[in-house]
Amino acid sequence: MPGQDPESPRHAASPSERAANPEDENSRLTDLVMNLEEKVSSLETEITVLNSELENVGRWSKKWPVPWRWWHC
């Protein structure tokens, strides 16, 4: 499934499995949180870049307005 770590199991561990291995569960959750933090950071960077590009397009369009009729040729 897209967006899932290929090494993670498809189903969550049962409560008894988690209780038997709390350190493994804690490690797994820590890894998941770190992975999510990396993805959030990447998305924040991408949003910043896109906002900058959008501002540049806005400035360009104000400097060089194109008559509306040219868009319908």
N, C-alpha and C. Protein backbone atom coordinates (compact mmCIF):
# COMPACT_ATOMS: atom_id res chain seq x y z
N MET A 1 0.84 -1.17 0.00
CA MET A 1 0.00 0.00 0.00
C MET A 1 0.89 1.25 0.00
N PRO A 2 0.58 2.26 -0.81
CA PRO A 2 1.43 3.46 -0.87
C PRO A 2 1.47 4.17 0.47
N GLY A 3 2.61 4.71 0.79
CA GLY A 3 2.77 5.49 2.00
C GLY A 3 3.11 4.65 3.23
N GLN A 4 3.11 3.33 3.09
CA GLN A 4 3.46 2.49 4.22
C GLN A 4 4.90 2.03 4.10
N ASP A 5 5.51 1.86 5.23
CA ASP A 5 6.87 1.33 5.27
C ASP A 5 6.81 -0.14 4.86
N PRO A 6 7.55 -0.54 3.81
CA PRO A 6 7.47 -1.93 3.35
C PRO A 6 7.90 -2.95 4.39
N GLU A 7 8.67 -2.52 5.40
CA GLU A 7 9.13 -3.45 6.42
C GLU A 7 8.14 -3.59 7.57
N SER A 8 7.15 -2.70 7.63
CA SER A 8 6.20 -2.79 8.74
C SER A 8 5.14 -3.85 8.43
N PRO A 9 4.64 -4.51 9.47
CA PRO A 9 3.61 -5.53 9.23
C PRO A 9 2.32 -4.88 8.75
N ARG A 10 1.53 -5.63 8.00
CA ARG A 10 0.27 -5.10 7.47
C ARG A 10 -0.76 -4.93 8.58
N HIS A 11 -0.66 -5.67 9.64
CA HIS A 11 -1.61 -5.55 10.75
C HIS A 11 -0.85 -5.18 12.02
N ALA A 12 -1.56 -4.50 12.91
CA ALA A 12 -0.94 -4.10 14.16
C ALA A 12 -0.80 -5.31 15.07
N ALA A 13 0.19 -5.25 15.91
CA ALA A 13 0.39 -6.34 16.87
C ALA A 13 -0.80 -6.37 17.83
N SER A 14 -1.14 -7.56 18.28
CA SER A 14 -2.23 -7.70 19.24
C SER A 14 -1.81 -7.11 20.58
N PRO A 15 -2.79 -6.77 21.43
CA PRO A 15 -2.43 -6.23 22.76
C PRO A 15 -1.52 -7.16 23.55
N SER A 16 -1.74 -8.48 23.43
CA SER A 16 -0.88 -9.40 24.18
C SER A 16 0.54 -9.40 23.63
N GLU A 17 0.68 -9.26 22.31
CA GLU A 17 2.03 -9.18 21.71
C GLU A 17 2.73 -7.91 22.15
N ARG A 18 1.99 -6.80 22.20
CA ARG A 18 2.59 -5.54 22.63
C ARG A 18 2.99 -5.61 24.11
N ALA A 19 2.16 -6.23 24.93
CA ALA A 19 2.47 -6.35 26.35
C ALA A 19 3.69 -7.22 26.57
N ALA A 20 3.86 -8.24 25.71
CA ALA A 20 5.01 -9.15 25.85
C ALA A 20 6.31 -8.47 25.43
N ASN A 21 6.24 -7.49 24.53
CA ASN A 21 7.44 -6.84 24.00
C ASN A 21 7.30 -5.31 24.06
N PRO A 22 7.19 -4.71 25.24
CA PRO A 22 6.99 -3.26 25.30
C PRO A 22 8.16 -2.48 24.72
N GLU A 23 9.38 -2.99 24.84
CA GLU A 23 10.53 -2.27 24.29
C GLU A 23 10.48 -2.27 22.77
N ASP A 24 10.08 -3.39 22.16
CA ASP A 24 9.95 -3.45 20.71
C ASP A 24 8.86 -2.51 20.23
N GLU A 25 7.74 -2.48 20.95
CA GLU A 25 6.64 -1.60 20.59
C GLU A 25 7.06 -0.14 20.70
N ASN A 26 7.77 0.19 21.76
CA ASN A 26 8.25 1.55 21.94
C ASN A 26 9.21 1.94 20.83
N SER A 27 10.09 1.03 20.47
CA SER A 27 11.04 1.29 19.39
C SER A 27 10.30 1.48 18.07
N ARG A 28 9.32 0.64 17.81
CA ARG A 28 8.54 0.73 16.57
C ARG A 28 7.80 2.07 16.50
N LEU A 29 7.17 2.46 17.62
CA LEU A 29 6.45 3.73 17.65
C LEU A 29 7.39 4.91 17.49
N THR A 30 8.57 4.83 18.10
CA THR A 30 9.56 5.89 17.94
C THR A 30 9.97 6.03 16.48
N ASP A 31 10.19 4.90 15.82
CA ASP A 31 10.55 4.92 14.39
C ASP A 31 9.43 5.53 13.55
N LEU A 32 8.18 5.17 13.87
CA LEU A 32 7.05 5.73 13.14
C LEU A 32 6.96 7.23 13.31
N VAL A 33 7.16 7.71 14.53
CA VAL A 33 7.11 9.14 14.80
C VAL A 33 8.22 9.86 14.05
N MET A 34 9.42 9.30 14.07
CA MET A 34 10.54 9.94 13.37
C MET A 34 10.26 9.98 11.86
N ASN A 35 9.70 8.91 11.32
CA ASN A 35 9.36 8.87 9.91
C ASN A 35 8.33 9.94 9.58
N LEU A 36 7.31 10.07 10.42
CA LEU A 36 6.29 11.10 10.19
C LEU A 36 6.89 12.50 10.30
N GLU A 37 7.79 12.72 11.25
CA GLU A 37 8.42 14.03 11.38
C GLU A 37 9.23 14.38 10.14
N GLU A 38 9.93 13.40 9.56
CA GLU A 38 10.68 13.63 8.33
C GLU A 38 9.75 14.00 7.19
N LYS A 39 8.63 13.29 7.09
CA LYS A 39 7.67 13.57 6.01
C LYS A 39 7.05 14.95 6.17
N VAL A 40 6.70 15.32 7.40
CA VAL A 40 6.14 16.64 7.66
C VAL A 40 7.15 17.73 7.29
N SER A 41 8.39 17.53 7.68
CA SER A 41 9.43 18.50 7.35
C SER A 41 9.59 18.64 5.84
N SER A 42 9.57 17.52 5.14
CA SER A 42 9.68 17.55 3.69
C SER A 42 8.50 18.30 3.07
N LEU A 43 7.30 18.05 3.57
CA LEU A 43 6.12 18.74 3.05
C LEU A 43 6.17 20.24 3.36
N GLU A 44 6.64 20.60 4.54
CA GLU A 44 6.77 22.02 4.88
C GLU A 44 7.73 22.71 3.92
N THR A 45 8.85 22.05 3.61
CA THR A 45 9.82 22.61 2.67
C THR A 45 9.19 22.77 1.29
N GLU A 46 8.46 21.76 0.85
CA GLU A 46 7.83 21.81 -0.46
C GLU A 46 6.79 22.93 -0.52
N ILE A 47 6.02 23.10 0.54
CA ILE A 47 5.03 24.17 0.59
C ILE A 47 5.71 25.53 0.52
N THR A 48 6.82 25.69 1.23
CA THR A 48 7.56 26.96 1.21
C THR A 48 8.05 27.27 -0.21
N VAL A 49 8.59 26.27 -0.90
CA VAL A 49 9.07 26.45 -2.26
C VAL A 49 7.91 26.83 -3.19
N LEU A 50 6.80 26.12 -3.08
CA LEU A 50 5.65 26.40 -3.94
C LEU A 50 5.08 27.79 -3.67
N ASN A 51 5.04 28.21 -2.40
CA ASN A 51 4.57 29.56 -2.09
C ASN A 51 5.48 30.61 -2.70
N SER A 52 6.79 30.37 -2.65
CA SER A 52 7.74 31.29 -3.25
C SER A 52 7.54 31.38 -4.76
N GLU A 53 7.36 30.23 -5.40
CA GLU A 53 7.13 30.22 -6.84
C GLU A 53 5.83 30.94 -7.18
N LEU A 54 4.81 30.75 -6.37
CA LEU A 54 3.53 31.41 -6.61
C LEU A 54 3.66 32.93 -6.48
N GLU A 55 4.43 33.37 -5.49
CA GLU A 55 4.67 34.80 -5.33
C GLU A 55 5.42 35.36 -6.54
N ASN A 56 6.39 34.61 -7.05
CA ASN A 56 7.13 35.06 -8.23
C ASN A 56 6.22 35.16 -9.45
N VAL A 57 5.33 34.21 -9.63
CA VAL A 57 4.38 34.26 -10.74
C VAL A 57 3.48 35.48 -10.59
N GLY A 58 3.04 35.75 -9.37
CA GLY A 58 2.19 36.91 -9.13
C GLY A 58 2.91 38.20 -9.47
N ARG A 59 4.19 38.30 -9.09
CA ARG A 59 4.96 39.52 -9.41
C ARG A 59 5.15 39.64 -10.92
N TRP A 60 5.45 38.53 -11.59
CA TRP A 60 5.68 38.56 -13.03
C TRP A 60 4.40 38.97 -13.75
N SER A 61 3.27 38.43 -13.34
CA SER A 61 2.02 38.74 -14.04
C SER A 61 1.63 40.20 -13.85
N LYS A 62 2.03 40.82 -12.75
CA LYS A 62 1.73 42.24 -12.56
C LYS A 62 2.63 43.11 -13.44
N LYS A 63 3.87 42.66 -13.66
CA LYS A 63 4.79 43.42 -14.49
C LYS A 63 4.47 43.28 -15.98
N TRP A 64 4.03 42.08 -16.37
CA TRP A 64 3.80 41.79 -17.79
C TRP A 64 2.38 41.27 -18.00
N PRO A 65 1.39 42.14 -17.84
CA PRO A 65 0.02 41.66 -18.02
C PRO A 65 -0.23 41.23 -19.47
N VAL A 66 -0.91 40.14 -19.63
CA VAL A 66 -1.23 39.62 -20.96
C VAL A 66 -2.70 39.92 -21.22
N PRO A 67 -3.00 40.56 -22.34
CA PRO A 67 -4.41 40.83 -22.64
C PRO A 67 -5.21 39.52 -22.65
N TRP A 68 -6.41 39.56 -22.12
CA TRP A 68 -7.24 38.38 -21.97
C TRP A 68 -7.47 37.68 -23.31
N ARG A 69 -7.66 38.44 -24.38
CA ARG A 69 -7.98 37.82 -25.67
C ARG A 69 -6.85 36.92 -26.18
N TRP A 70 -5.60 37.13 -25.73
CA TRP A 70 -4.50 36.29 -26.18
C TRP A 70 -4.61 34.87 -25.66
N TRP A 71 -5.30 34.69 -24.55
CA TRP A 71 -5.44 33.36 -23.97
C TRP A 71 -6.44 32.50 -24.74
N HIS A 72 -7.19 33.12 -25.67
CA HIS A 72 -8.24 32.39 -26.39
C HIS A 72 -7.89 32.13 -27.84
N CYS A 73 -6.65 32.31 -28.23
CA CYS A 73 -6.25 32.08 -29.62
C CYS A 73 -6.22 30.61 -29.97
